[in-house]
């Protein structure tokens, strides 16, 4: 079986002087290698092709046959690395907390492993007859949520 760390090292070498970042490397038991990269402004197909060729030049098919797929982290897929959270600050996200509750709001900030999502909630305000909509911050930890993903909106 192909060594995942070797593939990661090759990808990181290619990424060294670029604004792309590695999201994930998966290797199945039948040696299918799937490499996901991302960029703040999106991923270009030409760069995926270039990375694919770069990997193929450094892995020997004589030692082990493999299938290689290089692509972008899917839009609307759960975030896997902190850089994805940072790239979506100010955007609408959906979080499935460890408690099984879904929250939809705007990704407000990221600090290390913590991130804050702001939602609009009706809150009873003293002296008012009806509840008022107010921004409410919810603090989460990346490693304690089931997922956080970008909400694609259509207007």
Protein backbone atom coordinates (compact mmCIF):
# COMPACT_ATOMS: atom_id res chain seq x y z
CA UNK A 1 0.00 0.00 0.00
CA UNK A 2 1.16 3.52 -0.81
CA UNK A 3 2.43 5.54 2.15
CA UNK A 4 0.06 8.42 2.94
CA UNK A 5 2.86 10.44 4.56
CA UNK A 6 4.94 10.18 1.38
CA UNK A 7 2.04 11.50 -0.70
CA UNK A 8 1.42 14.32 1.80
CA UNK A 9 5.11 15.28 1.69
CA UNK A 10 5.04 15.44 -2.12
CA UNK A 11 1.88 17.58 -2.09
CA UNK A 12 3.29 19.92 0.59
CA UNK A 13 6.46 20.28 -1.53
CA UNK A 14 4.34 21.41 -4.51
CA UNK A 15 2.28 23.76 -2.30
CA UNK A 16 5.35 25.41 -0.72
CA UNK A 17 5.45 28.50 -2.96
CA UNK A 18 1.71 28.73 -3.68
CA UNK A 19 -1.35 30.14 -1.94
CA UNK A 20 -3.06 26.75 -2.04
CA UNK A 21 -3.34 24.60 1.07
CA UNK A 22 -3.83 20.88 1.60
CA UNK A 23 -7.25 19.81 2.83
CA UNK A 24 -6.99 16.03 2.77
CA UNK A 25 -5.19 13.00 1.39
CA UNK A 26 -7.02 9.67 1.35
CA UNK A 27 -5.70 6.34 0.17
CA UNK A 28 -8.08 3.43 -0.19
CA UNK A 29 -7.04 -0.22 0.27
CA UNK A 30 -7.00 -0.65 -3.53
CA UNK A 31 -4.48 2.25 -3.83
CA UNK A 32 -6.81 4.98 -5.03
CA UNK A 33 -5.22 8.27 -3.96
CA UNK A 34 -7.54 11.26 -3.51
CA UNK A 35 -5.89 14.64 -2.88
CA UNK A 36 -8.01 17.67 -1.98
CA UNK A 37 -6.56 21.17 -2.12
CA UNK A 38 -8.17 24.56 -1.64
CA UNK A 39 -7.48 28.26 -2.15
CA UNK A 40 -9.21 31.38 -0.82
CA UNK A 41 -10.26 32.30 -4.39
CA UNK A 42 -11.14 28.79 -5.55
CA UNK A 43 -9.19 26.06 -7.29
CA UNK A 44 -8.24 26.13 -10.97
CA UNK A 45 -8.35 22.90 -12.99
CA UNK A 46 -4.95 23.73 -14.51
CA UNK A 47 -3.42 23.69 -11.03
CA UNK A 48 -5.02 20.33 -10.26
CA UNK A 49 -3.50 18.94 -13.46
CA UNK A 50 -0.10 20.42 -12.57
CA UNK A 51 -0.22 18.90 -9.08
CA UNK A 52 -1.32 15.55 -10.47
CA UNK A 53 1.65 15.47 -12.85
CA UNK A 54 3.97 16.55 -10.02
CA UNK A 55 2.78 13.66 -7.84
CA UNK A 56 3.04 11.14 -10.69
CA UNK A 57 6.64 12.18 -11.36
CA UNK A 58 7.54 11.40 -7.74
CA UNK A 59 5.64 8.15 -7.22
CA UNK A 60 6.80 5.03 -9.01
CA UNK A 61 4.16 2.96 -10.79
CA UNK A 62 6.81 0.22 -11.05
CA UNK A 63 6.73 -0.19 -7.27
CA UNK A 64 2.97 0.02 -6.92
CA UNK A 65 0.10 0.71 -9.30
CA UNK A 66 -2.34 3.40 -8.16
CA UNK A 67 -5.20 5.58 -9.30
CA UNK A 68 -4.78 9.32 -8.66
CA UNK A 69 -7.48 11.96 -8.28
CA UNK A 70 -6.61 15.59 -7.52
CA UNK A 71 -9.36 18.12 -6.92
CA UNK A 72 -10.74 20.86 -4.78
CA UNK A 73 -12.52 20.49 -1.49
CA UNK A 74 -16.16 20.47 -2.53
CA UNK A 75 -18.17 23.63 -1.96
CA UNK A 76 -20.82 22.80 0.61
CA UNK A 77 -18.77 19.95 2.07
CA UNK A 78 -17.83 20.03 5.76
CA UNK A 79 -14.66 21.94 6.58
CA UNK A 80 -11.67 19.71 7.35
CA UNK A 81 -8.85 22.16 8.14
CA UNK A 82 -8.69 25.51 10.00
CA UNK A 83 -7.79 27.47 6.84
CA UNK A 84 -11.21 26.63 5.40
CA UNK A 85 -12.89 28.24 8.41
CA UNK A 86 -10.73 31.35 7.97
CA UNK A 87 -11.60 31.58 4.26
CA UNK A 88 -15.33 31.63 5.03
CA UNK A 89 -15.37 34.34 7.72
CA UNK A 90 -18.34 36.60 6.99
CA UNK A 91 -20.20 33.89 5.06
CA UNK A 92 -23.28 31.85 5.96
CA UNK A 93 -22.50 28.46 7.52
CA UNK A 94 -24.32 25.56 9.08
CA UNK A 95 -22.93 23.89 12.20
CA UNK A 96 -24.02 20.54 13.56
CA UNK A 97 -22.98 20.60 17.18
CA UNK A 98 -21.93 17.64 19.27
CA UNK A 99 -25.38 17.82 20.88
CA UNK A 100 -27.04 17.17 17.49
CA UNK A 101 -28.42 20.73 17.14
CA UNK A 102 -28.03 22.56 13.84
CA UNK A 103 -27.30 26.25 13.85
CA UNK A 104 -27.25 28.47 10.78
CA UNK A 105 -25.61 31.84 10.88
CA UNK A 106 -22.64 33.93 9.82
CA UNK A 107 -19.13 32.73 10.61
CA UNK A 108 -17.93 35.71 12.62
CA UNK A 109 -14.42 34.79 13.73
CA UNK A 110 -11.81 32.06 14.07
CA UNK A 111 -9.27 31.89 16.89
CA UNK A 112 -7.09 28.78 16.93
CA UNK A 113 -9.46 25.83 17.42
CA UNK A 114 -12.41 28.08 18.34
CA UNK A 115 -14.87 29.73 15.99
CA UNK A 116 -17.89 31.95 16.51
CA UNK A 117 -21.14 31.87 14.55
CA UNK A 118 -23.61 34.76 14.85
CA UNK A 119 -27.33 34.05 14.52
CA UNK A 120 -30.39 36.26 14.63
CA UNK A 121 -32.66 35.17 17.48
CA UNK A 122 -35.83 36.54 19.01
CA UNK A 123 -35.08 37.74 22.53
CA UNK A 124 -37.51 39.13 25.10
CA UNK A 125 -36.41 42.68 25.83
CA UNK A 126 -37.49 44.29 29.10
CA UNK A 127 -40.08 47.00 28.52
CA UNK A 128 -41.07 45.68 25.08
CA UNK A 129 -44.24 43.71 24.36
CA UNK A 130 -42.81 41.55 21.61
CA UNK A 131 -39.51 39.71 21.33
CA UNK A 132 -36.89 41.57 19.28
CA UNK A 133 -34.42 40.10 16.78
CA UNK A 134 -30.88 40.35 18.10
CA UNK A 135 -27.49 39.00 17.07
CA UNK A 136 -26.42 36.11 19.29
CA UNK A 137 -22.89 34.67 19.21
CA UNK A 138 -22.34 30.91 19.55
CA UNK A 139 -18.82 29.69 20.34
CA UNK A 140 -17.71 26.30 19.02
CA UNK A 141 -14.54 24.25 18.88
CA UNK A 142 -13.57 22.73 15.53
CA UNK A 143 -12.76 19.35 17.04
CA UNK A 144 -16.01 19.22 19.05
CA UNK A 145 -18.57 19.75 16.28
CA UNK A 146 -19.87 17.06 13.96
CA UNK A 147 -19.43 19.46 11.04
CA UNK A 148 -19.35 23.05 9.86
CA UNK A 149 -20.00 23.81 6.22
CA UNK A 150 -20.62 26.73 3.90
CA UNK A 151 -24.28 27.35 3.06
CA UNK A 152 -24.68 27.96 -0.62
CA UNK A 153 -27.31 30.64 -1.14
CA UNK A 154 -29.39 31.31 -4.23
CA UNK A 155 -31.15 34.65 -4.55
